[in-house]
Amino acid sequence: MIVFQADNSLASKQLEGRKQNKEWITLAICCNGDGSDMLPLWVIGKYKNLCCFKNINKNTFRCQYWNNSSAWMTREIFLEWFKGFDLHVSRRKVLLIMDNFSGHIPLD
């Protein structure tokens, strides 16, 4: 019997004999209940210039790309996102539901 191990995996556990991949991205997704009104997708990665998009104009994407060393939502990125959210829903009554992540600062 011959057993092959996958080179790539979506498994959450470490494959035997391989280091666990520690690369990740954060996605900020916002839409209404039925999906008819959506904000642009926000992608937060580690690197300012991604090698896979070397010859591609990032301005043609239908998303916003941000970067920091942890690829996490930070207070600064959240404030920028919230400004865009506020403009998008101006003069409408909305309910914004978020988790208690420390980057989601309370606004007055």
N, C-alpha and C. Protein backbone atom coordinates (compact mmCIF):
# COMPACT_ATOMS: atom_id res chain seq x y z
N MET A 1 0.84 -1.17 0.00
CA MET A 1 0.00 0.00 0.00
C MET A 1 0.88 1.23 0.00
N ILE A 2 0.60 2.18 -0.91
CA ILE A 2 1.35 3.43 -1.01
C ILE A 2 0.46 4.55 -0.52
N VAL A 3 1.00 5.36 0.38
CA VAL A 3 0.24 6.48 0.93
C VAL A 3 0.92 7.77 0.51
N PHE A 4 0.13 8.68 -0.07
CA PHE A 4 0.64 9.98 -0.47
C PHE A 4 0.05 11.04 0.43
N GLN A 5 0.85 12.04 0.78
CA GLN A 5 0.34 13.17 1.53
C GLN A 5 0.18 14.35 0.58
N ALA A 6 -0.87 15.11 0.81
CA ALA A 6 -1.14 16.28 -0.03
C ALA A 6 -0.08 17.35 0.22
N ASP A 7 0.27 18.07 -0.88
CA ASP A 7 1.18 19.19 -0.73
C ASP A 7 0.48 20.38 -0.08
N ASN A 8 -0.79 20.53 -0.37
CA ASN A 8 -1.59 21.62 0.18
C ASN A 8 -2.83 21.03 0.82
N SER A 9 -3.34 21.70 1.84
CA SER A 9 -4.50 21.16 2.53
C SER A 9 -5.30 22.29 3.15
N LEU A 10 -6.59 22.07 3.30
CA LEU A 10 -7.44 23.00 4.02
C LEU A 10 -7.65 22.54 5.46
N ALA A 11 -6.91 21.49 5.85
CA ALA A 11 -7.07 20.92 7.18
C ALA A 11 -6.65 21.92 8.25
N SER A 12 -7.33 21.87 9.38
CA SER A 12 -6.99 22.78 10.47
C SER A 12 -5.88 22.22 11.34
N LYS A 13 -5.59 20.92 11.21
CA LYS A 13 -4.52 20.30 11.97
C LYS A 13 -3.27 20.21 11.11
N GLN A 14 -2.13 20.18 11.77
CA GLN A 14 -0.87 20.09 11.07
C GLN A 14 -0.72 18.72 10.42
N LEU A 15 -0.27 18.72 9.14
CA LEU A 15 0.00 17.46 8.46
C LEU A 15 1.30 16.88 9.00
N GLU A 16 1.37 15.59 9.07
CA GLU A 16 2.55 14.91 9.58
C GLU A 16 3.76 15.26 8.72
N GLY A 17 4.82 15.69 9.34
CA GLY A 17 6.06 15.99 8.63
C GLY A 17 6.07 17.34 7.94
N ARG A 18 5.09 18.17 8.16
CA ARG A 18 5.04 19.49 7.52
C ARG A 18 4.81 20.57 8.57
N LYS A 19 5.38 21.75 8.31
CA LYS A 19 5.13 22.88 9.19
C LYS A 19 3.75 23.44 8.89
N GLN A 20 3.10 23.94 9.91
CA GLN A 20 1.80 24.55 9.73
C GLN A 20 1.96 25.91 9.07
N ASN A 21 1.14 26.18 8.06
CA ASN A 21 1.18 27.45 7.36
C ASN A 21 0.61 28.54 8.28
N LYS A 22 1.37 29.62 8.48
CA LYS A 22 0.94 30.68 9.38
C LYS A 22 0.57 31.95 8.62
N GLU A 23 0.31 31.82 7.33
CA GLU A 23 -0.13 32.96 6.53
C GLU A 23 -1.64 33.04 6.58
N TRP A 24 -2.18 34.25 6.72
CA TRP A 24 -3.62 34.41 6.71
C TRP A 24 -3.97 35.81 6.25
N ILE A 25 -5.25 36.00 5.98
CA ILE A 25 -5.78 37.31 5.65
C ILE A 25 -7.04 37.53 6.50
N THR A 26 -7.44 38.76 6.63
CA THR A 26 -8.68 39.10 7.30
C THR A 26 -9.62 39.70 6.27
N LEU A 27 -10.89 39.29 6.30
CA LEU A 27 -11.90 39.83 5.41
C LEU A 27 -12.92 40.60 6.23
N ALA A 28 -13.26 41.80 5.78
CA ALA A 28 -14.34 42.58 6.40
C ALA A 28 -15.49 42.58 5.41
N ILE A 29 -16.58 41.92 5.81
CA ILE A 29 -17.74 41.74 4.95
C ILE A 29 -18.92 42.44 5.61
N CYS A 30 -19.69 43.20 4.84
CA CYS A 30 -20.84 43.89 5.39
C CYS A 30 -21.94 43.97 4.34
N CYS A 31 -23.12 43.45 4.70
CA CYS A 31 -24.28 43.54 3.81
C CYS A 31 -25.55 43.54 4.65
N ASN A 32 -26.65 43.84 4.00
CA ASN A 32 -27.92 43.79 4.72
C ASN A 32 -28.43 42.35 4.77
N GLY A 33 -29.57 42.15 5.43
CA GLY A 33 -30.08 40.80 5.69
C GLY A 33 -30.34 39.97 4.45
N ASP A 34 -30.83 40.57 3.37
CA ASP A 34 -31.13 39.78 2.17
C ASP A 34 -30.02 39.84 1.12
N GLY A 35 -28.93 40.56 1.41
CA GLY A 35 -27.79 40.60 0.51
C GLY A 35 -27.94 41.55 -0.66
N SER A 36 -28.98 42.37 -0.67
CA SER A 36 -29.19 43.27 -1.80
C SER A 36 -28.38 44.56 -1.71
N ASP A 37 -27.85 44.87 -0.55
CA ASP A 37 -27.04 46.08 -0.35
C ASP A 37 -25.75 45.68 0.35
N MET A 38 -24.64 45.78 -0.37
CA MET A 38 -23.35 45.35 0.18
C MET A 38 -22.32 46.46 0.08
N LEU A 39 -21.46 46.51 1.07
CA LEU A 39 -20.29 47.38 0.98
C LEU A 39 -19.19 46.62 0.25
N PRO A 40 -18.23 47.33 -0.33
CA PRO A 40 -17.11 46.62 -0.97
C PRO A 40 -16.37 45.76 0.06
N LEU A 41 -15.88 44.64 -0.37
CA LEU A 41 -15.11 43.73 0.47
C LEU A 41 -13.80 44.40 0.87
N TRP A 42 -13.41 44.24 2.13
CA TRP A 42 -12.13 44.73 2.60
C TRP A 42 -11.25 43.53 2.90
N VAL A 43 -10.05 43.53 2.35
CA VAL A 43 -9.08 42.46 2.56
C VAL A 43 -7.89 43.05 3.29
N ILE A 44 -7.48 42.41 4.38
CA ILE A 44 -6.33 42.88 5.16
C ILE A 44 -5.28 41.78 5.12
N GLY A 45 -4.12 42.08 4.58
CA GLY A 45 -3.03 41.11 4.48
C GLY A 45 -1.78 41.63 5.16
N LYS A 46 -0.73 40.83 5.08
CA LYS A 46 0.53 41.20 5.73
C LYS A 46 1.40 42.10 4.87
N TYR A 47 1.33 41.97 3.56
CA TYR A 47 2.31 42.60 2.68
C TYR A 47 1.70 43.74 1.89
N LYS A 48 2.47 44.80 1.71
CA LYS A 48 2.00 45.96 0.96
C LYS A 48 1.81 45.60 -0.51
N ASN A 49 2.77 44.91 -1.08
CA ASN A 49 2.70 44.50 -2.48
C ASN A 49 2.76 42.98 -2.54
N LEU A 50 1.68 42.37 -2.96
CA LEU A 50 1.63 40.92 -3.05
C LEU A 50 2.28 40.45 -4.34
N CYS A 51 3.12 39.43 -4.25
CA CYS A 51 3.82 38.91 -5.42
C CYS A 51 2.84 38.39 -6.48
N CYS A 52 1.74 37.80 -6.05
CA CYS A 52 0.80 37.23 -7.01
C CYS A 52 0.08 38.30 -7.82
N PHE A 53 0.11 39.55 -7.38
CA PHE A 53 -0.52 40.64 -8.11
C PHE A 53 0.51 41.61 -8.68
N LYS A 54 1.70 41.10 -9.01
CA LYS A 54 2.81 41.95 -9.42
C LYS A 54 2.47 42.80 -10.65
N ASN A 55 1.85 42.23 -11.66
CA ASN A 55 1.58 42.96 -12.90
C ASN A 55 0.10 43.32 -13.04
N ILE A 56 -0.61 43.37 -11.93
CA ILE A 56 -2.04 43.65 -11.95
C ILE A 56 -2.30 44.95 -11.20
N ASN A 57 -3.12 45.81 -11.79
CA ASN A 57 -3.48 47.07 -11.16
C ASN A 57 -4.50 46.79 -10.05
N LYS A 58 -4.14 47.03 -8.79
CA LYS A 58 -5.03 46.76 -7.66
C LYS A 58 -6.27 47.64 -7.68
N ASN A 59 -6.22 48.76 -8.38
CA ASN A 59 -7.37 49.66 -8.43
C ASN A 59 -8.53 49.07 -9.25
N THR A 60 -8.26 48.02 -10.03
CA THR A 60 -9.33 47.40 -10.82
C THR A 60 -10.12 46.38 -10.00
N PHE A 61 -9.64 46.03 -8.83
CA PHE A 61 -10.37 45.10 -7.97
C PHE A 61 -11.60 45.78 -7.39
N ARG A 62 -12.61 45.00 -7.11
CA ARG A 62 -13.81 45.54 -6.48
C ARG A 62 -13.73 45.34 -4.96
N CYS A 63 -12.57 45.61 -4.41
CA CYS A 63 -12.38 45.49 -2.97
C CYS A 63 -11.30 46.49 -2.54
N GLN A 64 -11.21 46.69 -1.24
CA GLN A 64 -10.17 47.53 -0.66
C GLN A 64 -9.12 46.61 -0.05
N TYR A 65 -7.85 46.90 -0.28
CA TYR A 65 -6.78 46.09 0.30
C TYR A 65 -5.99 46.95 1.28
N TRP A 66 -5.80 46.44 2.49
CA TRP A 66 -5.01 47.09 3.52
C TRP A 66 -3.95 46.10 4.00
N ASN A 67 -2.93 46.60 4.63
CA ASN A 67 -1.89 45.69 5.12
C ASN A 67 -1.34 46.17 6.46
N ASN A 68 -0.93 45.20 7.26
CA ASN A 68 -0.15 45.44 8.48
C ASN A 68 0.55 44.14 8.82
N SER A 69 1.42 44.17 9.80
CA SER A 69 2.28 43.00 10.07
C SER A 69 1.51 41.78 10.56
N SER A 70 0.32 41.98 11.14
CA SER A 70 -0.43 40.84 11.66
C SER A 70 -1.57 40.41 10.75
N ALA A 71 -1.90 41.22 9.74
CA ALA A 71 -3.03 40.99 8.85
C ALA A 71 -4.35 41.00 9.61
N TRP A 72 -4.41 41.76 10.69
CA TRP A 72 -5.62 41.86 11.50
C TRP A 72 -6.25 43.24 11.34
N MET A 73 -7.51 43.32 11.70
CA MET A 73 -8.19 44.61 11.75
C MET A 73 -7.60 45.40 12.92
N THR A 74 -7.20 46.62 12.64
CA THR A 74 -6.68 47.51 13.68
C THR A 74 -7.66 48.65 13.89
N ARG A 75 -7.45 49.44 14.91
CA ARG A 75 -8.34 50.58 15.16
C ARG A 75 -8.32 51.55 13.99
N GLU A 76 -7.14 51.80 13.42
CA GLU A 76 -7.02 52.74 12.31
C GLU A 76 -7.78 52.23 11.08
N ILE A 77 -7.61 50.95 10.77
CA ILE A 77 -8.31 50.37 9.62
C ILE A 77 -9.81 50.37 9.89
N PHE A 78 -10.22 50.04 11.11
CA PHE A 78 -11.64 50.04 11.45
C PHE A 78 -12.25 51.42 11.28
N LEU A 79 -11.53 52.46 11.72
CA LEU A 79 -12.06 53.82 11.57
C LEU A 79 -12.25 54.18 10.11
N GLU A 80 -11.32 53.79 9.25
CA GLU A 80 -11.47 54.03 7.81
C GLU A 80 -12.68 53.28 7.26
N TRP A 81 -12.83 52.02 7.68
CA TRP A 81 -13.97 51.22 7.24
C TRP A 81 -15.28 51.87 7.71
N PHE A 82 -15.30 52.32 8.98
CA PHE A 82 -16.52 52.90 9.53
C PHE A 82 -16.90 54.19 8.83
N LYS A 83 -15.93 54.99 8.42
CA LYS A 83 -16.22 56.21 7.66
C LYS A 83 -16.93 55.86 6.36
N GLY A 84 -16.43 54.82 5.67
CA GLY A 84 -17.08 54.37 4.44
C GLY A 84 -18.47 53.82 4.69
N PHE A 85 -18.64 53.10 5.79
CA PHE A 85 -19.95 52.57 6.17
C PHE A 85 -20.92 53.72 6.43
N ASP A 86 -20.47 54.73 7.17
CA ASP A 86 -21.32 55.87 7.51
C ASP A 86 -21.77 56.61 6.25
N LEU A 87 -20.88 56.79 5.29
CA LEU A 87 -21.25 57.44 4.03
C LEU A 87 -22.25 56.58 3.25
N HIS A 88 -22.05 55.28 3.27
CA HIS A 88 -22.91 54.37 2.51
C HIS A 88 -24.34 54.35 3.04
N VAL A 89 -24.51 54.45 4.34
CA VAL A 89 -25.84 54.35 4.94
C VAL A 89 -26.38 55.70 5.38
N SER A 90 -25.81 56.79 4.90
CA SER A 90 -26.21 58.11 5.36
C SER A 90 -27.72 58.31 5.25
N ARG A 91 -28.27 58.91 6.27
CA ARG A 91 -29.70 59.24 6.38
C ARG A 91 -30.62 58.03 6.38
N ARG A 92 -30.09 56.88 6.73
CA ARG A 92 -30.93 55.68 6.91
C ARG A 92 -30.74 55.19 8.33
N LYS A 93 -31.75 54.58 8.87
CA LYS A 93 -31.62 53.96 10.19
C LYS A 93 -31.17 52.52 9.97
N VAL A 94 -30.02 52.18 10.56
CA VAL A 94 -29.46 50.85 10.40
C VAL A 94 -29.02 50.30 11.74
N LEU A 95 -28.89 48.99 11.81
CA LEU A 95 -28.35 48.32 12.98
C LEU A 95 -27.06 47.63 12.54
N LEU A 96 -25.95 48.00 13.14
CA LEU A 96 -24.65 47.41 12.83
C LEU A 96 -24.29 46.45 13.95
N ILE A 97 -24.14 45.18 13.62
CA ILE A 97 -23.80 44.16 14.61
C ILE A 97 -22.35 43.76 14.41
N MET A 98 -21.55 43.86 15.48
CA MET A 98 -20.15 43.49 15.44
C MET A 98 -19.82 42.68 16.68
N ASP A 99 -18.68 41.99 16.64
CA ASP A 99 -18.25 41.25 17.82
C ASP A 99 -17.48 42.20 18.75
N ASN A 100 -16.94 41.67 19.83
CA ASN A 100 -16.26 42.51 20.82
C ASN A 100 -14.75 42.57 20.62
N PHE A 101 -14.29 42.44 19.41
CA PHE A 101 -12.86 42.52 19.12
C PHE A 101 -12.33 43.90 19.51
N SER A 102 -11.12 43.96 20.06
CA SER A 102 -10.57 45.21 20.59
C SER A 102 -10.37 46.27 19.50
N GLY A 103 -10.24 45.88 18.25
CA GLY A 103 -10.09 46.86 17.17
C GLY A 103 -11.39 47.56 16.85
N HIS A 104 -12.51 47.01 17.28
CA HIS A 104 -13.82 47.64 17.06
C HIS A 104 -14.10 48.59 18.21
N ILE A 105 -13.59 49.79 18.08
CA ILE A 105 -13.70 50.75 19.19
C ILE A 105 -15.09 51.38 19.21
N PRO A 106 -15.60 51.65 20.38
CA PRO A 106 -16.91 52.32 20.46
C PRO A 106 -16.79 53.75 19.98
N LEU A 107 -17.76 54.18 19.19
CA LEU A 107 -17.77 55.54 18.67
C LEU A 107 -18.91 56.31 19.31
N ASP A 108 -18.69 57.58 19.64
CA ASP A 108 -19.74 58.42 20.23
C ASP A 108 -20.61 59.00 19.16
